[in-house]
N, C-alpha and C. Protein backbone atom coordinates (compact mmCIF):
# COMPACT_ATOMS: atom_id res chain seq x y z
N UNK A 1 117.25 101.19 88.72
CA UNK A 1 115.45 101.20 88.93
C UNK A 1 115.54 99.68 88.61
N UNK A 2 115.16 99.31 87.71
CA UNK A 2 114.88 97.87 87.34
C UNK A 2 113.78 97.66 86.43
N UNK A 3 113.38 96.12 86.53
CA UNK A 3 112.21 95.84 85.33
C UNK A 3 111.71 94.59 86.17
N UNK A 4 110.44 94.46 85.70
CA UNK A 4 109.74 93.13 86.11
C UNK A 4 109.66 92.27 84.85
N UNK A 5 109.73 91.21 85.01
CA UNK A 5 109.81 90.24 83.76
C UNK A 5 108.42 89.37 84.02
N UNK A 6 107.57 89.84 82.97
CA UNK A 6 106.26 89.03 82.85
C UNK A 6 106.20 88.26 81.61
N UNK A 7 106.33 86.99 81.69
CA UNK A 7 106.34 86.24 80.54
C UNK A 7 107.42 86.58 79.43
N UNK A 8 108.59 86.80 79.81
CA UNK A 8 109.49 87.34 79.09
C UNK A 8 109.39 88.63 78.35
N UNK A 9 108.38 89.54 78.83
CA UNK A 9 108.18 91.02 78.54
C UNK A 9 108.80 91.72 79.71
N UNK A 10 109.97 92.52 79.43
CA UNK A 10 110.36 93.34 80.70
C UNK A 10 109.61 94.63 80.46
N UNK A 11 108.96 95.02 81.77
CA UNK A 11 108.40 96.19 82.01
C UNK A 11 109.06 96.95 82.94
N UNK A 12 109.46 98.14 82.52
CA UNK A 12 110.34 99.24 83.59
C UNK A 12 109.50 99.44 84.91
N UNK A 13 110.06 99.51 86.05
CA UNK A 13 109.46 99.83 87.17
C UNK A 13 108.92 101.15 87.02
N UNK A 14 109.69 102.30 86.70
CA UNK A 14 108.91 103.33 86.44
C UNK A 14 107.62 103.69 85.72
N UNK A 15 107.47 102.76 84.69
CA UNK A 15 106.20 102.68 84.13
C UNK A 15 105.06 102.32 84.83
N UNK A 16 105.39 101.24 85.66
CA UNK A 16 104.27 100.77 86.76
C UNK A 16 104.18 101.84 87.77
N UNK A 17 105.10 102.71 88.16
CA UNK A 17 104.96 103.54 89.00
C UNK A 17 104.11 104.50 88.65
N UNK A 18 104.38 105.11 86.98
CA UNK A 18 103.61 106.09 86.47
C UNK A 18 102.23 105.73 86.52
N UNK A 19 101.76 104.55 86.10
CA UNK A 19 100.72 104.05 85.77
C UNK A 19 99.76 104.04 87.11
N UNK A 20 100.51 103.76 88.00
CA UNK A 20 99.78 103.73 89.54
C UNK A 20 99.61 105.07 90.12
N UNK A 21 100.43 105.87 89.81
CA UNK A 21 100.40 107.38 90.10
C UNK A 21 99.00 108.18 89.52
N UNK A 22 99.04 107.58 87.88
CA UNK A 22 98.02 108.12 87.22
C UNK A 22 96.59 107.68 87.76
N UNK A 23 96.45 106.47 88.35
CA UNK A 23 95.37 105.97 88.83
C UNK A 23 94.78 106.78 90.15
N UNK A 24 95.99 107.00 90.98
CA UNK A 24 95.61 107.70 92.06
C UNK A 24 95.22 109.05 91.61
N UNK A 25 95.95 109.78 90.60
CA UNK A 25 95.44 110.98 90.32
C UNK A 25 93.95 110.98 89.79
N UNK A 26 93.49 110.19 89.16
CA UNK A 26 92.11 110.02 88.44
C UNK A 26 91.16 109.74 89.73
N UNK A 27 91.74 108.92 90.66
CA UNK A 27 90.77 108.86 91.80
C UNK A 27 90.56 109.82 92.74
N UNK A 28 91.65 110.60 92.81
CA UNK A 28 91.65 111.85 93.58
C UNK A 28 91.24 113.07 92.93
N UNK A 29 90.91 113.15 91.68
CA UNK A 29 90.41 113.99 90.77
C UNK A 29 89.29 114.92 91.30
N UNK A 30 88.21 114.58 91.48
CA UNK A 30 87.29 115.34 92.10
C UNK A 30 87.76 116.54 93.31
N UNK A 31 88.59 116.07 94.07
CA UNK A 31 89.30 116.79 95.10
C UNK A 31 89.97 118.10 94.38
N UNK A 32 90.83 117.76 93.39
CA UNK A 32 91.50 118.89 92.35
C UNK A 32 90.53 119.77 91.85
N UNK A 33 89.65 119.17 91.13
CA UNK A 33 88.43 119.80 90.30
C UNK A 33 87.81 120.59 91.28
N UNK A 34 87.42 120.31 92.78
CA UNK A 34 86.77 121.05 93.61
C UNK A 34 87.68 122.46 93.95
N UNK A 35 88.94 122.42 94.03
CA UNK A 35 89.80 123.47 94.36
C UNK A 35 89.89 124.34 93.16
N UNK A 36 90.00 123.85 91.90
CA UNK A 36 89.92 124.52 90.53
C UNK A 36 88.83 125.20 90.36
N UNK A 37 87.36 124.56 90.69
CA UNK A 37 86.32 125.25 90.34
C UNK A 37 86.11 126.51 91.42
N UNK A 38 86.41 126.34 92.59
CA UNK A 38 86.07 127.23 93.79
C UNK A 38 87.15 128.43 93.56
N UNK A 39 87.88 128.40 92.91
CA UNK A 39 88.78 129.52 92.34
C UNK A 39 90.29 129.68 93.21
N UNK A 40 90.53 128.44 93.78
CA UNK A 40 91.80 128.50 94.66
C UNK A 40 92.85 128.35 93.80
N UNK A 41 92.86 127.76 92.55
CA UNK A 41 94.00 127.51 91.60
C UNK A 41 93.75 128.52 90.60
N UNK A 42 95.05 129.29 90.35
CA UNK A 42 94.94 130.13 89.06
C UNK A 42 95.38 129.56 87.91
N UNK A 43 96.40 128.55 87.69
CA UNK A 43 96.56 128.00 86.48
C UNK A 43 96.53 126.32 86.71
N UNK A 44 95.24 125.85 86.10
CA UNK A 44 94.92 124.45 86.61
C UNK A 44 95.72 123.61 85.73
N UNK A 45 96.18 123.64 84.46
CA UNK A 45 96.99 122.86 83.88
C UNK A 45 98.37 122.79 84.58
N UNK A 46 99.02 123.68 85.06
CA UNK A 46 100.28 123.54 85.65
C UNK A 46 100.00 122.97 87.05
N UNK A 47 98.98 123.35 87.63
CA UNK A 47 98.51 122.71 89.06
C UNK A 47 98.49 121.08 89.02
N UNK A 48 97.71 120.78 87.77
CA UNK A 48 97.70 119.12 87.53
C UNK A 48 98.84 118.60 87.27
N UNK A 49 99.80 119.36 86.49
CA UNK A 49 101.13 118.65 86.20
C UNK A 49 101.89 118.32 87.53
N UNK A 50 102.00 119.38 88.56
CA UNK A 50 102.58 119.30 89.68
C UNK A 50 102.12 118.21 90.69
N UNK A 51 100.53 118.42 90.64
CA UNK A 51 100.22 117.22 91.32
C UNK A 51 100.46 115.97 90.94
N UNK A 52 100.44 115.55 89.68
CA UNK A 52 100.83 114.49 89.28
C UNK A 52 102.48 113.94 89.32
N UNK A 53 103.19 114.80 89.13
CA UNK A 53 104.68 114.66 89.44
C UNK A 53 104.85 114.38 90.87
N UNK A 54 104.11 115.15 92.03
CA UNK A 54 104.08 114.59 93.41
C UNK A 54 103.73 113.38 93.62
N UNK A 55 102.73 112.82 92.72
CA UNK A 55 102.09 111.47 93.12
C UNK A 55 103.13 110.51 92.75
N UNK A 56 103.82 110.72 91.53
CA UNK A 56 104.96 109.83 90.93
C UNK A 56 106.03 109.72 91.94
N UNK A 57 106.46 110.77 92.45
CA UNK A 57 107.40 110.80 93.55
C UNK A 57 106.94 110.01 94.73
N UNK A 58 105.88 110.33 95.26
CA UNK A 58 105.33 109.75 96.29
C UNK A 58 105.14 107.91 96.05
N UNK A 59 104.94 107.60 94.78
CA UNK A 59 104.64 106.21 94.76
C UNK A 59 106.25 105.75 94.43
N UNK A 60 106.99 106.46 93.93
CA UNK A 60 108.52 105.93 93.77
C UNK A 60 109.02 105.75 95.22
N UNK A 61 108.75 106.68 96.22
CA UNK A 61 109.31 106.63 97.59
C UNK A 61 108.79 105.42 98.17
N UNK A 62 107.37 105.27 97.97
CA UNK A 62 106.82 103.95 98.61
C UNK A 62 107.64 102.44 97.97
N UNK A 63 107.70 102.71 96.77
CA UNK A 63 108.46 101.55 96.16
C UNK A 63 109.75 101.41 96.65
N UNK A 64 110.50 102.52 96.84
CA UNK A 64 112.16 102.37 97.43
C UNK A 64 111.91 101.81 98.75
N UNK A 65 110.94 102.30 99.71
CA UNK A 65 110.76 101.99 101.12
C UNK A 65 110.74 100.57 101.21
N UNK A 66 109.57 99.79 100.28
CA UNK A 66 109.41 98.71 100.51
C UNK A 66 110.40 97.59 99.78
N UNK A 67 111.19 98.19 98.86
CA UNK A 67 112.26 97.56 98.32
C UNK A 67 111.66 96.69 97.11
N UNK A 68 110.51 97.21 96.34
CA UNK A 68 110.16 96.43 95.37
C UNK A 68 111.09 97.11 93.98
């Protein structure tokens, strides 16, 4: 993986990816809440966890594609 050096503080790349995925999750949250509220999702907490993991994988793939 790697890390970023920010004024002699090493920040893991996966931490930045997880934070970016969380921001995306919060921005797209109303879409998930609409699906949950309308009855399309049976287990909301498991669904939310899976969506977040997919977003982390998506952000990680983008980081790998661009070589960051």
